[in-house]
Amino acid sequence: MRSYDELIREASQVDVSGWDFSWLDGRATEERPGWGYSGLLADALRGVDSALDLQTGGGEVVDSAPVLPPHLVVTEGWPPNVTAARKRLGPRGVRVVAVDEGAALPFPDQTFELVTARHPVASDWPEIARVLRPGGRYLAQHVGPESAFELIEWFLGPLSDEVRDGRHSRHDRAGATAAGLVVDEIRSARCRMEFFDIGAVVYILRKCVWWVPDFTVGRYAARLRDLDTAIRRDGSFVAHSTRLLVRAQLPR
């Protein structure tokens, strides 16, 4: 394995825009839930004329669908991702709309047959219900409770019970129901993650900035060096992600 300084320098300079994680190939792994969200999304998009994908990142997941509906709009809030999504999806006729996190969706009521999202930071259930047509569906893969907490707590220390409970599936169920949606299914999966060098850790913390919001290599140098030592000793650092498959519909 290369030196600590070499790994840190490389991971600090690599581009982290978009949701393409191929830079981690051979350096980190994450199990995927058995339901196969990309396949479910492709099937859902194939069956509608209008759809909205929320917080699309760089558009990678949507672009994996072989058939897109005639009217497909995606939203994204981070400017580098907006640029990446337009470059990726524009040639396929997809409209990319910049929408800040937490802002109202700039679309009329009852616009879309399908609303989708993969790992949204938060779900604005009233807005989702508002833009769905009667009989329309919501399909998403959400981040579940205590996801990657082994890694997050390595840097931040023990998190509160309130934070641990923050992404529990009951909150999605309650929010969707309060907005007038009927929840058809919420399924949970816990998936093993492994990081094989300290560069992979720096990369993921730069990309998923909400995990350790004040992360910089300088600020957490001591914890990074300790983690580098642990990875070299044990062969990897193991954490677990939690994923929720959420299906809901707006009654006719």
C-alpha atoms as a PDB file:
ATOM      1  CA  MET A   1       0.000   0.000   0.000  1.00  0.00           C
ATOM      2  CA  ARG A   2       1.222   3.503  -0.803  1.00  0.00           C
ATOM      3  CA  SER A   3       2.183   5.924   1.931  1.00  0.00           C
ATOM      4  CA  TYR A   4      -0.350   7.858   3.975  1.00  0.00           C
ATOM      5  CA  ASP A   5       0.740  11.174   2.448  1.00  0.00           C
ATOM      6  CA  GLU A   6       0.428   9.872  -1.124  1.00  0.00           C
ATOM      7  CA  LEU A   7      -3.064   8.494  -0.517  1.00  0.00           C
ATOM      8  CA  ILE A   8      -4.248  11.657   1.217  1.00  0.00           C
ATOM      9  CA  ARG A   9      -2.850  13.931  -1.482  1.00  0.00           C
ATOM     10  CA  GLU A  10      -4.489  11.955  -4.292  1.00  0.00           C
ATOM     11  CA  ALA A  11      -7.893  11.741  -2.592  1.00  0.00           C
ATOM     12  CA  SER A  12      -7.834  15.443  -1.723  1.00  0.00           C
ATOM     13  CA  GLN A  13      -7.414  16.462  -5.367  1.00  0.00           C
ATOM     14  CA  VAL A  14      -9.731  14.110  -7.271  1.00  0.00           C
ATOM     15  CA  ASP A  15     -13.029  15.469  -8.617  1.00  0.00           C
ATOM     16  CA  VAL A  16     -15.983  14.447  -6.431  1.00  0.00           C
ATOM     17  CA  SER A  17     -18.859  15.961  -8.424  1.00  0.00           C
ATOM     18  CA  GLY A  18     -21.741  13.757  -9.545  1.00  0.00           C
ATOM     19  CA  TRP A  19     -22.689  10.327  -8.215  1.00  0.00           C
ATOM     20  CA  ASP A  20     -20.198   8.223 -10.136  1.00  0.00           C
ATOM     21  CA  PHE A  21     -18.254   6.244  -7.519  1.00  0.00           C
ATOM     22  CA  SER A  22     -16.003   4.390  -9.967  1.00  0.00           C
ATOM     23  CA  TRP A  23     -12.910   6.048  -8.461  1.00  0.00           C
ATOM     24  CA  LEU A  24     -13.438   3.728  -5.490  1.00  0.00           C
ATOM     25  CA  ASP A  25     -13.167   0.557  -7.582  1.00  0.00           C
ATOM     26  CA  GLY A  26     -10.679  -1.710  -5.833  1.00  0.00           C
ATOM     27  CA  ARG A  27     -10.468   0.701  -2.880  1.00  0.00           C
ATOM     28  CA  ALA A  28     -13.887   0.336  -1.273  1.00  0.00           C
ATOM     29  CA  THR A  29     -16.961  -1.853  -1.629  1.00  0.00           C
ATOM     30  CA  GLU A  30     -20.611  -1.605  -0.654  1.00  0.00           C
ATOM     31  CA  GLU A  31     -23.204  -4.325  -0.883  1.00  0.00           C
ATOM     32  CA  ARG A  32     -26.383  -3.411  -2.747  1.00  0.00           C
ATOM     33  CA  PRO A  33     -29.930  -4.120  -1.552  1.00  0.00           C
ATOM     34  CA  GLY A  34     -31.482  -7.179  -3.103  1.00  0.00           C
ATOM     35  CA  TRP A  35     -34.355  -5.266  -4.715  1.00  0.00           C
ATOM     36  CA  GLY A  36     -32.117  -3.644  -7.368  1.00  0.00           C
ATOM     37  CA  TYR A  37     -33.253  -0.019  -7.437  1.00  0.00           C
ATOM     38  CA  SER A  38     -31.828   0.792 -10.875  1.00  0.00           C
ATOM     39  CA  GLY A  39     -33.889  -1.997 -12.425  1.00  0.00           C
ATOM     40  CA  LEU A  40     -37.036  -0.927 -10.589  1.00  0.00           C
ATOM     41  CA  LEU A  41     -36.487   2.642 -11.748  1.00  0.00           C
ATOM     42  CA  ALA A  42     -35.970   1.568 -15.352  1.00  0.00           C
ATOM     43  CA  ASP A  43     -39.208  -0.433 -15.298  1.00  0.00           C
ATOM     44  CA  ALA A  44     -41.135   2.450 -13.753  1.00  0.00           C
ATOM     45  CA  LEU A  45     -39.820   5.026 -16.235  1.00  0.00           C
ATOM     46  CA  ARG A  46     -40.659   2.754 -19.147  1.00  0.00           C
ATOM     47  CA  GLY A  47     -44.318   2.683 -18.115  1.00  0.00           C
ATOM     48  CA  VAL A  48     -45.163   6.413 -17.882  1.00  0.00           C
ATOM     49  CA  ASP A  49     -45.323   9.506 -20.091  1.00  0.00           C
ATOM     50  CA  SER A  50     -44.145  11.991 -17.450  1.00  0.00           C
ATOM     51  CA  ALA A  51     -41.753  11.669 -14.526  1.00  0.00           C
ATOM     52  CA  LEU A  52     -39.716  13.737 -12.086  1.00  0.00           C
ATOM     53  CA  ASP A  53     -36.466  12.558 -10.484  1.00  0.00           C
ATOM     54  CA  LEU A  54     -35.527  14.507  -7.355  1.00  0.00           C
ATOM     55  CA  GLN A  55     -31.954  15.302  -6.255  1.00  0.00           C
ATOM     56  CA  THR A  56     -30.599  13.440  -9.252  1.00  0.00           C
ATOM     57  CA  GLY A  57     -26.915  14.103  -8.568  1.00  0.00           C
ATOM     58  CA  GLY A  58     -25.079  13.940 -11.869  1.00  0.00           C
ATOM     59  CA  GLY A  59     -27.926  12.001 -13.476  1.00  0.00           C
ATOM     60  CA  GLU A  60     -26.063   8.690 -13.465  1.00  0.00           C
ATOM     61  CA  VAL A  61     -28.904   6.528 -12.134  1.00  0.00           C
ATOM     62  CA  VAL A  62     -31.540   7.984 -14.447  1.00  0.00           C
ATOM     63  CA  ASP A  63     -29.173   7.658 -17.400  1.00  0.00           C
ATOM     64  CA  SER A  64     -28.821   3.929 -16.699  1.00  0.00           C
ATOM     65  CA  ALA A  65     -32.457   3.423 -17.741  1.00  0.00           C
ATOM     66  CA  PRO A  66     -32.571   2.286 -21.382  1.00  0.00           C
ATOM     67  CA  VAL A  67     -35.983   3.902 -22.047  1.00  0.00           C
ATOM     68  CA  LEU A  68     -37.010   7.319 -20.740  1.00  0.00           C
ATOM     69  CA  PRO A  69     -40.512   8.837 -20.783  1.00  0.00           C
ATOM     70  CA  PRO A  70     -41.260  11.606 -23.291  1.00  0.00           C
ATOM     71  CA  HIS A  71     -41.492  14.178 -20.498  1.00  0.00           C
ATOM     72  CA  LEU A  72     -38.741  13.656 -17.916  1.00  0.00           C
ATOM     73  CA  VAL A  73     -37.515  16.374 -15.562  1.00  0.00           C
ATOM     74  CA  VAL A  74     -34.797  16.045 -12.922  1.00  0.00           C
ATOM     75  CA  THR A  75     -33.847  18.424 -10.123  1.00  0.00           C
ATOM     76  CA  GLU A  76     -30.510  19.009  -8.410  1.00  0.00           C
ATOM     77  CA  GLY A  77     -29.222  21.645  -6.014  1.00  0.00           C
ATOM     78  CA  TRP A  78     -25.416  21.436  -6.117  1.00  0.00           C
ATOM     79  CA  PRO A  79     -24.094  23.479  -9.074  1.00  0.00           C
ATOM     80  CA  PRO A  80     -21.341  21.013 -10.135  1.00  0.00           C
ATOM     81  CA  ASN A  81     -23.934  18.243 -10.223  1.00  0.00           C
ATOM     82  CA  VAL A  82     -26.363  20.431 -12.190  1.00  0.00           C
ATOM     83  CA  THR A  83     -23.656  20.921 -14.817  1.00  0.00           C
ATOM     84  CA  ALA A  84     -22.830  17.202 -14.868  1.00  0.00           C
ATOM     85  CA  ALA A  85     -26.504  16.221 -15.147  1.00  0.00           C
ATOM     86  CA  ARG A  86     -27.116  18.609 -18.045  1.00  0.00           C
ATOM     87  CA  LYS A  87     -24.109  17.248 -19.889  1.00  0.00           C
ATOM     88  CA  ARG A  88     -25.173  13.661 -19.288  1.00  0.00           C
ATOM     89  CA  LEU A  89     -28.953  13.880 -19.692  1.00  0.00           C
ATOM     90  CA  GLY A  90     -29.424  16.822 -22.048  1.00  0.00           C
ATOM     91  CA  PRO A  91     -28.663  14.739 -25.156  1.00  0.00           C
ATOM     92  CA  ARG A  92     -31.470  12.376 -24.102  1.00  0.00           C
ATOM     93  CA  GLY A  93     -34.018  15.184 -23.978  1.00  0.00           C
ATOM     94  CA  VAL A  94     -34.167  15.422 -20.187  1.00  0.00           C
ATOM     95  CA  ARG A  95     -34.820  18.832 -18.628  1.00  0.00           C
ATOM     96  CA  VAL A  96     -32.487  19.537 -15.699  1.00  0.00           C
ATOM     97  CA  VAL A  97     -33.782  22.129 -13.214  1.00  0.00           C
ATOM     98  CA  ALA A  98     -31.642  23.646 -10.470  1.00  0.00           C
ATOM     99  CA  VAL A  99     -33.600  23.559  -7.205  1.00  0.00           C
ATOM    100  CA  ASP A 100     -32.068  24.343  -3.827  1.00  0.00           C
ATOM    101  CA  GLU A 101     -32.540  21.756  -1.117  1.00  0.00           C
ATOM    102  CA  GLY A 102     -35.709  22.507   0.832  1.00  0.00           C
ATOM    103  CA  ALA A 103     -37.138  24.865  -1.801  1.00  0.00           C
ATOM    104  CA  ALA A 104     -40.598  24.386  -3.294  1.00  0.00           C
ATOM    105  CA  LEU A 105     -40.670  22.500  -6.565  1.00  0.00           C
ATOM    106  CA  PRO A 106     -41.130  24.906  -9.509  1.00  0.00           C
ATOM    107  CA  PHE A 107     -43.811  22.816 -11.207  1.00  0.00           C
ATOM    108  CA  PRO A 108     -47.611  23.128 -11.398  1.00  0.00           C
ATOM    109  CA  ASP A 109     -49.893  20.883  -9.388  1.00  0.00           C
ATOM    110  CA  GLN A 110     -50.557  17.390 -10.767  1.00  0.00           C
ATOM    111  CA  THR A 111     -47.770  17.505 -13.365  1.00  0.00           C
ATOM    112  CA  PHE A 112     -46.194  14.042 -13.125  1.00  0.00           C
ATOM    113  CA  GLU A 113     -47.335  10.436 -13.221  1.00  0.00           C
ATOM    114  CA  LEU A 114     -44.203   9.313 -11.392  1.00  0.00           C
ATOM    115  CA  VAL A 115     -41.830  10.929  -8.884  1.00  0.00           C
ATOM    116  CA  THR A 116     -38.583   9.152  -8.035  1.00  0.00           C
ATOM    117  CA  ALA A 117     -35.547   9.755  -5.852  1.00  0.00           C
ATOM    118  CA  ARG A 118     -32.397   7.889  -4.930  1.00  0.00           C
ATOM    119  CA  HIS A 119     -30.878   8.854  -1.584  1.00  0.00           C
ATOM    120  CA  PRO A 120     -32.562  12.250  -1.191  1.00  0.00           C
ATOM    121  CA  VAL A 121     -31.187  14.377   1.622  1.00  0.00           C
ATOM    122  CA  ALA A 122     -34.788  14.844   2.779  1.00  0.00           C
ATOM    123  CA  SER A 123     -38.238  14.095   1.362  1.00  0.00           C
ATOM    124  CA  ASP A 124     -40.656  17.024   1.045  1.00  0.00           C
ATOM    125  CA  TRP A 125     -43.802  14.925   1.154  1.00  0.00           C
ATOM    126  CA  PRO A 126     -46.322  17.761   0.638  1.00  0.00           C
ATOM    127  CA  GLU A 127     -44.461  18.875  -2.493  1.00  0.00           C
ATOM    128  CA  ILE A 128     -44.201  15.318  -3.785  1.00  0.00           C
ATOM    129  CA  ALA A 129     -47.950  14.845  -3.318  1.00  0.00           C
ATOM    130  CA  ARG A 130     -48.695  18.229  -4.903  1.00  0.00           C
ATOM    131  CA  VAL A 131     -46.883  17.555  -8.193  1.00  0.00           C
ATOM    132  CA  LEU A 132     -48.194  13.985  -8.564  1.00  0.00           C
ATOM    133  CA  ARG A 133     -51.273  13.379 -10.655  1.00  0.00           C
ATOM    134  CA  PRO A 134     -54.122  11.468  -8.997  1.00  0.00           C
ATOM    135  CA  GLY A 135     -53.153   7.830  -9.227  1.00  0.00           C
ATOM    136  CA  GLY A 136     -49.492   8.794  -9.599  1.00  0.00           C
ATOM    137  CA  ARG A 137     -46.722   6.894  -7.862  1.00  0.00           C
ATOM    138  CA  TYR A 138     -43.637   7.614  -5.784  1.00  0.00           C
ATOM    139  CA  LEU A 139     -40.674   5.224  -6.031  1.00  0.00           C
ATOM    140  CA  ALA A 140     -37.479   5.846  -4.109  1.00  0.00           C
ATOM    141  CA  GLN A 141     -34.505   4.397  -2.339  1.00  0.00           C
ATOM    142  CA  HIS A 142     -33.902   6.347   0.847  1.00  0.00           C
ATOM    143  CA  VAL A 143     -30.977   6.275   3.228  1.00  0.00           C
ATOM    144  CA  GLY A 144     -32.101   4.553   6.402  1.00  0.00           C
ATOM    145  CA  PRO A 145     -31.197   4.997  10.077  1.00  0.00           C
ATOM    146  CA  GLU A 146     -27.612   4.811  11.348  1.00  0.00           C
ATOM    147  CA  SER A 147     -26.177   4.517   7.841  1.00  0.00           C
ATOM    148  CA  ALA A 148     -22.344   4.494   7.820  1.00  0.00           C
ATOM    149  CA  PHE A 149     -22.393   5.457  11.484  1.00  0.00           C
ATOM    150  CA  GLU A 150     -19.305   3.358  12.259  1.00  0.00           C
ATOM    151  CA  LEU A 151     -17.302   5.664  10.002  1.00  0.00           C
ATOM    152  CA  ILE A 152     -19.094   8.871  10.990  1.00  0.00           C
ATOM    153  CA  GLU A 153     -18.629   8.193  14.702  1.00  0.00           C
ATOM    154  CA  TRP A 154     -14.935   7.486  14.148  1.00  0.00           C
ATOM    155  CA  PHE A 155     -14.620  11.207  13.467  1.00  0.00           C
ATOM    156  CA  LEU A 156     -17.504  12.763  15.430  1.00  0.00           C
ATOM    157  CA  GLY A 157     -17.752  10.454  18.415  1.00  0.00           C
ATOM    158  CA  PRO A 158     -20.992   8.871  19.670  1.00  0.00           C
ATOM    159  CA  LEU A 159     -24.104  10.416  18.128  1.00  0.00           C
ATOM    160  CA  SER A 160     -27.284  11.127  20.044  1.00  0.00           C
ATOM    161  CA  ASP A 161     -30.332   8.882  20.099  1.00  0.00           C
ATOM    162  CA  GLU A 162     -32.218  11.605  18.250  1.00  0.00           C
ATOM    163  CA  VAL A 163     -29.716  11.561  15.381  1.00  0.00           C
ATOM    164  CA  ARG A 164     -29.745   7.769  15.292  1.00  0.00           C
ATOM    165  CA  ASP A 165     -33.535   7.800  14.993  1.00  0.00           C
ATOM    166  CA  GLY A 166     -33.623  10.538  12.357  1.00  0.00           C
ATOM    167  CA  ARG A 167     -34.031   8.372   9.247  1.00  0.00           C
ATOM    168  CA  HIS A 168     -36.228   5.644  10.704  1.00  0.00           C
ATOM    169  CA  SER A 169     -38.792   4.324   8.239  1.00  0.00           C
ATOM    170  CA  ARG A 170     -41.685   5.358  10.455  1.00  0.00           C
ATOM    171  CA  HIS A 171     -40.879   9.006   9.712  1.00  0.00           C
ATOM    172  CA  ASP A 172     -41.248   8.362   5.984  1.00  0.00           C
ATOM    173  CA  ARG A 173     -44.490   6.526   6.541  1.00  0.00           C
ATOM    174  CA  ALA A 174     -45.883   9.284   8.737  1.00  0.00           C
ATOM    175  CA  GLY A 175     -44.772  12.068   6.390  1.00  0.00           C
ATOM    176  CA  ALA A 176     -46.166  10.403   3.288  1.00  0.00           C
ATOM    177  CA  THR A 177     -49.466   9.587   4.983  1.00  0.00           C
ATOM    178  CA  ALA A 178     -49.868  13.123   6.325  1.00  0.00           C
ATOM    179  CA  ALA A 179     -49.383  14.468   2.796  1.00  0.00           C
ATOM    180  CA  GLY A 180     -52.223  12.292   1.488  1.00  0.00           C
ATOM    181  CA  LEU A 181     -50.185   9.466  -0.030  1.00  0.00           C
ATOM    182  CA  VAL A 182     -50.907   5.794   0.510  1.00  0.00           C
ATOM    183  CA  VAL A 183     -47.735   3.905   1.414  1.00  0.00           C
ATOM    184  CA  ASP A 184     -47.618   0.604  -0.430  1.00  0.00           C
ATOM    185  CA  GLU A 185     -44.270  -0.623   0.854  1.00  0.00           C
ATOM    186  CA  ILE A 186     -41.245   0.338   2.910  1.00  0.00           C
ATOM    187  CA  ARG A 187     -38.539  -2.303   2.904  1.00  0.00           C
ATOM    188  CA  SER A 188     -35.195  -2.108   4.716  1.00  0.00           C
ATOM    189  CA  ALA A 189     -31.744  -3.521   3.961  1.00  0.00           C
ATOM    190  CA  ARG A 190     -28.475  -3.252   5.861  1.00  0.00           C
ATOM    191  CA  CYS A 191     -25.409  -3.548   3.638  1.00  0.00           C
ATOM    192  CA  ARG A 192     -21.741  -4.089   4.418  1.00  0.00           C
ATOM    193  CA  MET A 193     -19.239  -1.398   3.412  1.00  0.00           C
ATOM    194  CA  GLU A 194     -15.443  -1.832   3.402  1.00  0.00           C
ATOM    195  CA  PHE A 195     -12.722   0.768   2.921  1.00  0.00           C
ATOM    196  CA  PHE A 196      -9.323  -0.621   1.940  1.00  0.00           C
ATOM    197  CA  ASP A 197      -7.208   2.531   2.154  1.00  0.00           C
ATOM    198  CA  ILE A 198      -7.394   5.942   3.787  1.00  0.00           C
ATOM    199  CA  GLY A 199      -7.746   7.657   0.414  1.00  0.00           C
ATOM    200  CA  ALA A 200     -11.120   5.964  -0.060  1.00  0.00           C
ATOM    201  CA  VAL A 201     -12.259   7.377   3.268  1.00  0.00           C
ATOM    202  CA  VAL A 202     -11.185  10.915   2.372  1.00  0.00           C
ATOM    203  CA  TYR A 203     -12.899  10.625  -1.010  1.00  0.00           C
ATOM    204  CA  ILE A 204     -16.223   9.499   0.451  1.00  0.00           C
ATOM    205  CA  LEU A 205     -16.187  12.196   3.138  1.00  0.00           C
ATOM    206  CA  ARG A 206     -15.516  14.857   0.499  1.00  0.00           C
ATOM    207  CA  LYS A 207     -18.355  13.497  -1.639  1.00  0.00           C
ATOM    208  CA  CYS A 208     -20.938  12.825   1.094  1.00  0.00           C
ATOM    209  CA  VAL A 209     -20.363  16.118   2.880  1.00  0.00           C
ATOM    210  CA  TRP A 210     -23.297  15.678   5.272  1.00  0.00           C
ATOM    211  CA  TRP A 211     -21.628  12.680   6.941  1.00  0.00           C
ATOM    212  CA  VAL A 212     -18.982  14.780   8.687  1.00  0.00           C
ATOM    213  CA  PRO A 213     -20.080  18.343   7.843  1.00  0.00           C
ATOM    214  CA  ASP A 214     -16.909  20.103   8.996  1.00  0.00           C
ATOM    215  CA  PHE A 215     -14.536  17.558   7.468  1.00  0.00           C
ATOM    216  CA  THR A 216     -11.146  18.664   6.229  1.00  0.00           C
ATOM    217  CA  VAL A 217      -7.949  16.648   6.154  1.00  0.00           C
ATOM    218  CA  GLY A 218      -6.264  19.191   8.400  1.00  0.00           C
ATOM    219  CA  ARG A 219      -9.024  19.319  10.995  1.00  0.00           C
ATOM    220  CA  TYR A 220      -9.196  15.527  11.328  1.00  0.00           C
ATOM    221  CA  ALA A 221      -5.548  14.690  10.688  1.00  0.00           C
ATOM    222  CA  ALA A 222      -5.120  12.769  13.951  1.00  0.00           C
ATOM    223  CA  ARG A 223      -8.202  10.613  13.421  1.00  0.00           C
ATOM    224  CA  LEU A 224      -7.220   9.996   9.794  1.00  0.00           C
ATOM    225  CA  ARG A 225      -3.775   8.792  10.808  1.00  0.00           C
ATOM    226  CA  ASP A 226      -5.278   6.511  13.452  1.00  0.00           C
ATOM    227  CA  LEU A 227      -7.698   5.112  10.888  1.00  0.00           C
ATOM    228  CA  ASP A 228      -4.889   4.610   8.368  1.00  0.00           C
ATOM    229  CA  THR A 229      -3.028   2.586  11.001  1.00  0.00           C
ATOM    230  CA  ALA A 230      -6.143   0.485  11.680  1.00  0.00           C
ATOM    231  CA  ILE A 231      -6.742  -0.212   7.983  1.00  0.00           C
ATOM    232  CA  ARG A 232      -3.124  -1.273   7.450  1.00  0.00           C
ATOM    233  CA  ARG A 233      -3.335  -3.539  10.482  1.00  0.00           C
ATOM    234  CA  ASP A 234      -6.766  -5.095   9.799  1.00  0.00           C
ATOM    235  CA  GLY A 235      -6.881  -4.944   6.004  1.00  0.00           C
ATOM    236  CA  SER A 236      -9.991  -2.747   5.850  1.00  0.00           C
ATOM    237  CA  PHE A 237     -12.423  -0.622   7.840  1.00  0.00           C
ATOM    238  CA  VAL A 238     -15.952  -2.040   7.967  1.00  0.00           C
ATOM    239  CA  ALA A 239     -19.145   0.013   8.214  1.00  0.00           C
ATOM    240  CA  HIS A 240     -22.769  -0.609   7.240  1.00  0.00           C
ATOM    241  CA  SER A 241     -25.189   1.367   5.123  1.00  0.00           C
ATOM    242  CA  THR A 242     -28.956   1.206   5.591  1.00  0.00           C
ATOM    243  CA  ARG A 243     -31.309   1.541   2.641  1.00  0.00           C
ATOM    244  CA  LEU A 244     -35.099   1.842   2.442  1.00  0.00           C
ATOM    245  CA  LEU A 245     -37.196   0.985  -0.588  1.00  0.00           C
ATOM    246  CA  VAL A 246     -40.223   3.279  -0.528  1.00  0.00           C
ATOM    247  CA  ARG A 247     -43.299   2.911  -2.733  1.00  0.00           C
ATOM    248  CA  ALA A 248     -46.366   5.103  -2.385  1.00  0.00           C
ATOM    249  CA  GLN A 249     -49.225   6.427  -4.494  1.00  0.00           C
ATOM    250  CA  LEU A 250     -51.595   9.352  -4.612  1.00  0.00           C
ATOM    251  CA  PRO A 251     -55.209   8.088  -4.570  1.00  0.00           C
ATOM    252  CA  ARG A 252     -57.387   8.923  -7.537  1.00  0.00           C
END
